[in-house]
N, C-alpha and C. Protein backbone atom coordinates (compact mmCIF):
# COMPACT_ATOMS: atom_id res chain seq x y z
N MET A 1 -43.17 40.89 -74.98
CA MET A 1 -42.79 40.94 -73.59
C MET A 1 -42.18 39.59 -73.16
N PHE A 2 -42.83 38.52 -73.59
CA PHE A 2 -42.35 37.20 -73.21
C PHE A 2 -40.99 36.92 -73.85
N ARG A 3 -40.81 37.37 -75.08
CA ARG A 3 -39.57 37.14 -75.79
C ARG A 3 -38.42 37.87 -75.09
N ARG A 4 -38.61 39.07 -74.64
CA ARG A 4 -37.57 39.83 -73.94
C ARG A 4 -37.20 39.16 -72.62
N THR A 5 -38.18 38.66 -71.91
CA THR A 5 -37.93 37.97 -70.64
C THR A 5 -37.12 36.69 -70.89
N PHE A 6 -37.48 35.97 -71.94
CA PHE A 6 -36.78 34.74 -72.28
C PHE A 6 -35.30 35.02 -72.56
N TRP A 7 -35.00 36.01 -73.40
CA TRP A 7 -33.63 36.31 -73.75
C TRP A 7 -32.86 36.91 -72.58
N PHE A 8 -33.53 37.67 -71.75
CA PHE A 8 -32.88 38.20 -70.55
C PHE A 8 -32.47 37.04 -69.63
N SER A 9 -33.39 36.11 -69.41
CA SER A 9 -33.10 34.96 -68.55
C SER A 9 -31.99 34.09 -69.14
N THR A 10 -32.01 33.92 -70.46
CA THR A 10 -30.97 33.14 -71.12
C THR A 10 -29.61 33.82 -70.96
N GLY A 11 -29.56 35.13 -71.08
CA GLY A 11 -28.32 35.87 -70.91
C GLY A 11 -27.78 35.78 -69.49
N VAL A 12 -28.70 35.88 -68.50
CA VAL A 12 -28.29 35.77 -67.10
C VAL A 12 -27.74 34.36 -66.83
N ALA A 13 -28.40 33.33 -67.33
CA ALA A 13 -27.95 31.95 -67.13
C ALA A 13 -26.58 31.73 -67.78
N ALA A 14 -26.41 32.26 -69.00
CA ALA A 14 -25.12 32.10 -69.68
C ALA A 14 -24.02 32.83 -68.91
N GLY A 15 -24.32 33.99 -68.36
CA GLY A 15 -23.34 34.74 -67.59
C GLY A 15 -22.94 34.02 -66.32
N VAL A 16 -23.92 33.46 -65.62
CA VAL A 16 -23.64 32.70 -64.39
C VAL A 16 -22.80 31.47 -64.73
N TRP A 17 -23.19 30.78 -65.80
CA TRP A 17 -22.45 29.58 -66.19
C TRP A 17 -21.00 29.93 -66.54
N ALA A 18 -20.78 30.97 -67.35
CA ALA A 18 -19.44 31.37 -67.76
C ALA A 18 -18.61 31.82 -66.55
N THR A 19 -19.21 32.59 -65.63
CA THR A 19 -18.51 33.05 -64.44
C THR A 19 -18.07 31.86 -63.59
N THR A 20 -18.94 30.89 -63.44
CA THR A 20 -18.62 29.69 -62.65
C THR A 20 -17.46 28.93 -63.28
N LYS A 21 -17.49 28.76 -64.60
CA LYS A 21 -16.42 28.04 -65.29
C LYS A 21 -15.09 28.78 -65.16
N VAL A 22 -15.10 30.09 -65.34
CA VAL A 22 -13.87 30.88 -65.25
C VAL A 22 -13.31 30.83 -63.83
N ASN A 23 -14.16 30.97 -62.82
CA ASN A 23 -13.68 30.92 -61.43
C ASN A 23 -13.10 29.54 -61.09
N ARG A 24 -13.73 28.50 -61.58
CA ARG A 24 -13.23 27.15 -61.33
C ARG A 24 -11.85 26.96 -61.97
N LYS A 25 -11.68 27.45 -63.19
CA LYS A 25 -10.40 27.33 -63.88
C LYS A 25 -9.33 28.17 -63.20
N LEU A 26 -9.70 29.36 -62.72
CA LEU A 26 -8.74 30.19 -62.01
C LEU A 26 -8.27 29.53 -60.72
N ARG A 27 -9.17 28.86 -60.03
CA ARG A 27 -8.77 28.14 -58.81
C ARG A 27 -7.83 26.99 -59.13
N GLN A 28 -8.01 26.35 -60.29
CA GLN A 28 -7.13 25.25 -60.68
C GLN A 28 -5.74 25.75 -61.06
N LEU A 29 -5.64 27.00 -61.48
CA LEU A 29 -4.37 27.53 -61.95
C LEU A 29 -3.60 28.31 -60.89
N THR A 30 -4.02 28.26 -59.63
CA THR A 30 -3.25 28.91 -58.58
C THR A 30 -1.96 28.11 -58.35
N PRO A 31 -0.90 28.73 -57.87
CA PRO A 31 0.36 28.01 -57.64
C PRO A 31 0.20 26.82 -56.68
N GLU A 32 -0.59 26.99 -55.64
CA GLU A 32 -0.79 25.89 -54.67
C GLU A 32 -1.48 24.71 -55.33
N SER A 33 -2.50 25.00 -56.14
CA SER A 33 -3.23 23.92 -56.81
C SER A 33 -2.35 23.22 -57.83
N LEU A 34 -1.55 24.00 -58.58
CA LEU A 34 -0.64 23.39 -59.56
C LEU A 34 0.41 22.52 -58.88
N ALA A 35 0.93 22.99 -57.75
CA ALA A 35 1.93 22.21 -57.01
C ALA A 35 1.32 20.91 -56.48
N ALA A 36 0.10 20.99 -55.97
CA ALA A 36 -0.55 19.79 -55.44
C ALA A 36 -0.83 18.79 -56.57
N THR A 37 -1.26 19.29 -57.72
CA THR A 37 -1.52 18.41 -58.86
C THR A 37 -0.23 17.75 -59.35
N ALA A 38 0.84 18.53 -59.44
CA ALA A 38 2.12 17.97 -59.88
C ALA A 38 2.63 16.93 -58.90
N ALA A 39 2.50 17.20 -57.61
CA ALA A 39 2.95 16.24 -56.60
C ALA A 39 2.14 14.95 -56.68
N HIS A 40 0.85 15.09 -56.87
CA HIS A 40 -0.02 13.91 -56.96
C HIS A 40 0.35 13.06 -58.19
N LYS A 41 0.57 13.72 -59.32
CA LYS A 41 0.93 12.98 -60.53
C LYS A 41 2.31 12.34 -60.39
N ALA A 42 3.25 13.02 -59.72
CA ALA A 42 4.58 12.45 -59.51
C ALA A 42 4.49 11.21 -58.63
N LEU A 43 3.67 11.25 -57.59
CA LEU A 43 3.50 10.09 -56.72
C LEU A 43 2.89 8.92 -57.49
N GLU A 44 1.88 9.21 -58.32
CA GLU A 44 1.27 8.15 -59.11
C GLU A 44 2.28 7.52 -60.07
N THR A 45 3.09 8.37 -60.72
CA THR A 45 4.09 7.87 -61.65
C THR A 45 5.15 7.04 -60.92
N GLY A 46 5.59 7.51 -59.76
CA GLY A 46 6.56 6.75 -58.97
C GLY A 46 6.02 5.41 -58.54
N GLN A 47 4.76 5.38 -58.13
CA GLN A 47 4.13 4.13 -57.72
C GLN A 47 4.06 3.16 -58.90
N ARG A 48 3.67 3.69 -60.07
CA ARG A 48 3.57 2.84 -61.26
C ARG A 48 4.94 2.29 -61.65
N LEU A 49 5.97 3.14 -61.61
CA LEU A 49 7.32 2.68 -61.95
C LEU A 49 7.83 1.64 -60.95
N ARG A 50 7.54 1.87 -59.67
CA ARG A 50 7.98 0.92 -58.65
C ARG A 50 7.30 -0.43 -58.86
N ASP A 51 6.00 -0.41 -59.16
CA ASP A 51 5.29 -1.67 -59.38
C ASP A 51 5.86 -2.42 -60.59
N ARG A 52 6.18 -1.67 -61.64
CA ARG A 52 6.75 -2.31 -62.83
C ARG A 52 8.13 -2.87 -62.54
N ALA A 53 8.94 -2.13 -61.78
CA ALA A 53 10.29 -2.60 -61.46
C ALA A 53 10.24 -3.85 -60.59
N VAL A 54 9.33 -3.87 -59.62
CA VAL A 54 9.20 -5.05 -58.76
C VAL A 54 8.74 -6.25 -59.59
N GLY A 55 7.78 -6.03 -60.47
CA GLY A 55 7.31 -7.11 -61.34
C GLY A 55 8.43 -7.64 -62.23
N PHE A 56 9.23 -6.73 -62.78
CA PHE A 56 10.35 -7.13 -63.63
C PHE A 56 11.38 -7.93 -62.83
N ALA A 57 11.70 -7.46 -61.62
CA ALA A 57 12.68 -8.16 -60.79
C ALA A 57 12.18 -9.56 -60.44
N LEU A 58 10.90 -9.69 -60.14
CA LEU A 58 10.35 -11.02 -59.83
C LEU A 58 10.40 -11.93 -61.04
N ASP A 59 10.09 -11.40 -62.22
CA ASP A 59 10.17 -12.21 -63.44
C ASP A 59 11.60 -12.66 -63.70
N VAL A 60 12.56 -11.75 -63.52
CA VAL A 60 13.96 -12.11 -63.74
C VAL A 60 14.39 -13.18 -62.76
N ARG A 61 14.00 -13.04 -61.49
CA ARG A 61 14.38 -14.02 -60.48
C ARG A 61 13.78 -15.40 -60.79
N ASP A 62 12.52 -15.42 -61.21
CA ASP A 62 11.89 -16.70 -61.54
C ASP A 62 12.56 -17.35 -62.75
N ASN A 63 12.80 -16.56 -63.79
CA ASN A 63 13.45 -17.11 -64.98
C ASN A 63 14.89 -17.53 -64.70
N MET A 64 15.57 -16.79 -63.82
CA MET A 64 16.94 -17.16 -63.47
C MET A 64 16.95 -18.50 -62.73
N ALA A 65 16.04 -18.68 -61.80
CA ALA A 65 15.98 -19.95 -61.07
C ALA A 65 15.64 -21.10 -62.02
N GLN A 66 14.73 -20.84 -62.95
CA GLN A 66 14.38 -21.88 -63.92
C GLN A 66 15.59 -22.24 -64.80
N ARG A 67 16.31 -21.23 -65.26
CA ARG A 67 17.47 -21.48 -66.12
C ARG A 67 18.58 -22.18 -65.34
N GLU A 68 18.79 -21.81 -64.07
CA GLU A 68 19.79 -22.50 -63.25
C GLU A 68 19.43 -23.97 -63.08
N ALA A 69 18.14 -24.24 -62.90
CA ALA A 69 17.71 -25.64 -62.77
C ALA A 69 17.95 -26.39 -64.07
N GLU A 70 17.67 -25.74 -65.21
CA GLU A 70 17.91 -26.39 -66.50
C GLU A 70 19.40 -26.67 -66.71
N LEU A 71 20.25 -25.69 -66.39
CA LEU A 71 21.68 -25.88 -66.55
C LEU A 71 22.22 -26.94 -65.60
N GLY A 72 21.75 -26.92 -64.36
CA GLY A 72 22.18 -27.93 -63.40
C GLY A 72 21.78 -29.32 -63.84
N GLU A 73 20.61 -29.44 -64.41
CA GLU A 73 20.14 -30.73 -64.90
C GLU A 73 20.98 -31.18 -66.10
N ALA A 74 21.29 -30.23 -67.00
CA ALA A 74 22.08 -30.58 -68.19
C ALA A 74 23.51 -30.94 -67.83
N LEU A 75 24.08 -30.28 -66.79
CA LEU A 75 25.46 -30.56 -66.40
C LEU A 75 25.57 -31.68 -65.37
N GLY A 76 24.45 -32.12 -64.84
CA GLY A 76 24.46 -33.21 -63.88
C GLY A 76 24.91 -32.79 -62.50
N ILE A 77 24.76 -31.53 -62.15
CA ILE A 77 25.17 -31.08 -60.81
C ILE A 77 23.95 -30.80 -59.94
N GLY A 78 22.80 -31.22 -60.40
CA GLY A 78 21.59 -31.00 -59.61
C GLY A 78 21.52 -31.91 -58.41
N ALA A 79 22.09 -33.11 -58.49
CA ALA A 79 22.06 -34.05 -57.38
C ALA A 79 23.44 -34.16 -56.78
N GLY A 80 23.55 -34.02 -55.50
CA GLY A 80 24.83 -34.12 -54.83
C GLY A 80 24.65 -33.89 -53.36
N PRO A 81 25.74 -33.65 -52.63
CA PRO A 81 25.61 -33.45 -51.19
C PRO A 81 24.88 -32.16 -50.88
N GLY A 82 24.04 -32.21 -49.93
CA GLY A 82 23.31 -31.02 -49.48
C GLY A 82 22.10 -30.77 -50.36
N PRO A 83 21.20 -29.92 -49.88
CA PRO A 83 19.98 -29.66 -50.64
C PRO A 83 20.23 -28.79 -51.88
N ALA A 84 21.31 -28.03 -51.92
CA ALA A 84 21.54 -27.12 -53.04
C ALA A 84 22.46 -27.71 -54.09
N GLY A 85 22.88 -28.95 -53.94
CA GLY A 85 23.78 -29.55 -54.91
C GLY A 85 25.18 -29.66 -54.35
N PRO A 86 26.15 -30.01 -55.21
CA PRO A 86 27.52 -30.20 -54.73
C PRO A 86 28.15 -28.88 -54.32
N GLU A 87 29.13 -29.02 -53.45
CA GLU A 87 29.85 -27.85 -52.96
C GLU A 87 30.87 -27.44 -54.02
N LEU A 88 30.79 -26.23 -54.50
CA LEU A 88 31.72 -25.74 -55.51
C LEU A 88 32.74 -24.83 -54.86
N ALA A 89 33.94 -24.82 -55.42
CA ALA A 89 34.99 -23.96 -54.88
C ALA A 89 34.69 -22.50 -55.25
N ALA A 90 35.05 -21.62 -54.33
CA ALA A 90 34.84 -20.19 -54.59
C ALA A 90 35.85 -19.73 -55.62
N PRO A 91 35.46 -18.82 -56.52
CA PRO A 91 36.42 -18.35 -57.52
C PRO A 91 37.54 -17.55 -56.86
N GLY A 92 38.72 -17.64 -57.44
CA GLY A 92 39.86 -16.92 -56.88
C GLY A 92 39.73 -15.43 -57.13
N ARG A 93 40.34 -14.66 -56.24
CA ARG A 93 40.29 -13.22 -56.38
C ARG A 93 41.66 -12.74 -56.87
N HIS A 94 41.64 -11.87 -57.83
CA HIS A 94 42.86 -11.34 -58.40
C HIS A 94 42.85 -9.82 -58.23
N THR A 95 44.01 -9.29 -57.98
CA THR A 95 44.07 -7.84 -57.88
C THR A 95 44.12 -7.26 -59.28
N ALA A 96 43.45 -6.15 -59.47
CA ALA A 96 43.40 -5.52 -60.78
C ALA A 96 44.72 -4.83 -61.08
N ILE A 97 45.33 -4.19 -60.10
CA ILE A 97 46.60 -3.50 -60.29
C ILE A 97 47.54 -3.96 -59.19
N GLU A 98 48.71 -4.42 -59.60
CA GLU A 98 49.68 -4.85 -58.61
C GLU A 98 50.75 -3.78 -58.44
N ASN A 99 51.15 -3.56 -57.22
CA ASN A 99 52.19 -2.59 -56.93
C ASN A 99 53.50 -3.36 -56.79
N ASN A 100 54.35 -3.27 -57.82
CA ASN A 100 55.62 -3.99 -57.81
C ASN A 100 56.70 -3.23 -57.06
N ARG A 101 56.47 -2.02 -56.67
CA ARG A 101 57.49 -1.21 -55.99
C ARG A 101 57.41 -1.47 -54.49
N SER A 102 58.38 -2.18 -54.00
CA SER A 102 58.40 -2.43 -52.57
C SER A 102 58.98 -1.24 -51.82
N ASN A 103 59.92 -0.53 -52.44
CA ASN A 103 60.54 0.62 -51.82
C ASN A 103 60.49 1.78 -52.82
N PRO A 104 59.49 2.64 -52.73
CA PRO A 104 59.39 3.71 -53.72
C PRO A 104 60.50 4.74 -53.53
N THR A 105 60.94 5.32 -54.62
CA THR A 105 61.98 6.34 -54.56
C THR A 105 61.33 7.70 -54.73
N TYR A 106 61.81 8.66 -53.95
CA TYR A 106 61.28 10.01 -54.00
C TYR A 106 62.37 10.96 -54.46
N VAL A 107 62.02 11.91 -55.28
CA VAL A 107 62.96 12.92 -55.74
C VAL A 107 62.81 14.11 -54.81
N GLU A 108 63.89 14.41 -54.08
CA GLU A 108 63.82 15.50 -53.12
C GLU A 108 64.46 16.77 -53.63
N ASN A 109 65.46 16.68 -54.45
CA ASN A 109 66.15 17.86 -54.96
C ASN A 109 65.54 18.26 -56.29
N THR A 110 64.71 19.26 -56.26
CA THR A 110 64.10 19.74 -57.50
C THR A 110 64.67 21.10 -57.84
N THR A 111 64.64 21.46 -59.10
CA THR A 111 65.20 22.73 -59.54
C THR A 111 64.19 23.87 -59.44
N HIS A 112 62.96 23.59 -59.23
CA HIS A 112 61.95 24.64 -59.10
C HIS A 112 61.07 24.35 -57.89
N SER A 113 60.45 25.39 -57.37
CA SER A 113 59.60 25.21 -56.21
C SER A 113 58.16 24.98 -56.66
N ASN A 114 57.34 24.55 -55.77
CA ASN A 114 55.93 24.32 -56.07
C ASN A 114 55.07 25.53 -55.77
N ASN A 115 55.70 26.67 -55.49
CA ASN A 115 54.97 27.89 -55.18
C ASN A 115 54.48 28.49 -56.49
N ARG A 116 53.18 28.56 -56.66
CA ARG A 116 52.59 29.07 -57.90
C ARG A 116 52.60 30.59 -57.97
N ASN A 117 52.86 31.24 -56.85
CA ASN A 117 52.89 32.69 -56.85
C ASN A 117 54.24 33.25 -57.28
N GLU A 118 55.19 32.38 -57.45
CA GLU A 118 56.54 32.78 -57.80
C GLU A 118 56.64 33.04 -59.29
N ASP A 119 57.40 34.09 -59.68
CA ASP A 119 57.62 34.36 -61.10
C ASP A 119 58.62 33.36 -61.66
N ARG A 120 58.43 32.99 -62.86
CA ARG A 120 59.32 32.00 -63.49
C ARG A 120 60.07 32.60 -64.62
């Protein structure tokens, strides 16, 4: 009698445990829950990437300033008028493409029309 009660109770407990696990997993797999989980992970990933990018930009800026100071010291332009060193001339600007045609010529008399619906 005691053995049957023990196994019955064990079966009931296993059934309750399995039902609870299955229901919990089903709730996690609903479309709303999946969307919320995906959004949360996307935000975490974006935050992590932003933090890394900001850290990288700060490292580049610090190393750039250090290298500029080293180059200025090596070239002797670190000391001069003003707090930032001597005044340097701005680089000249060049046009990439020059238009040499001051008076463009247009062809007005053509042998065919631009109408694409016309038979040729």
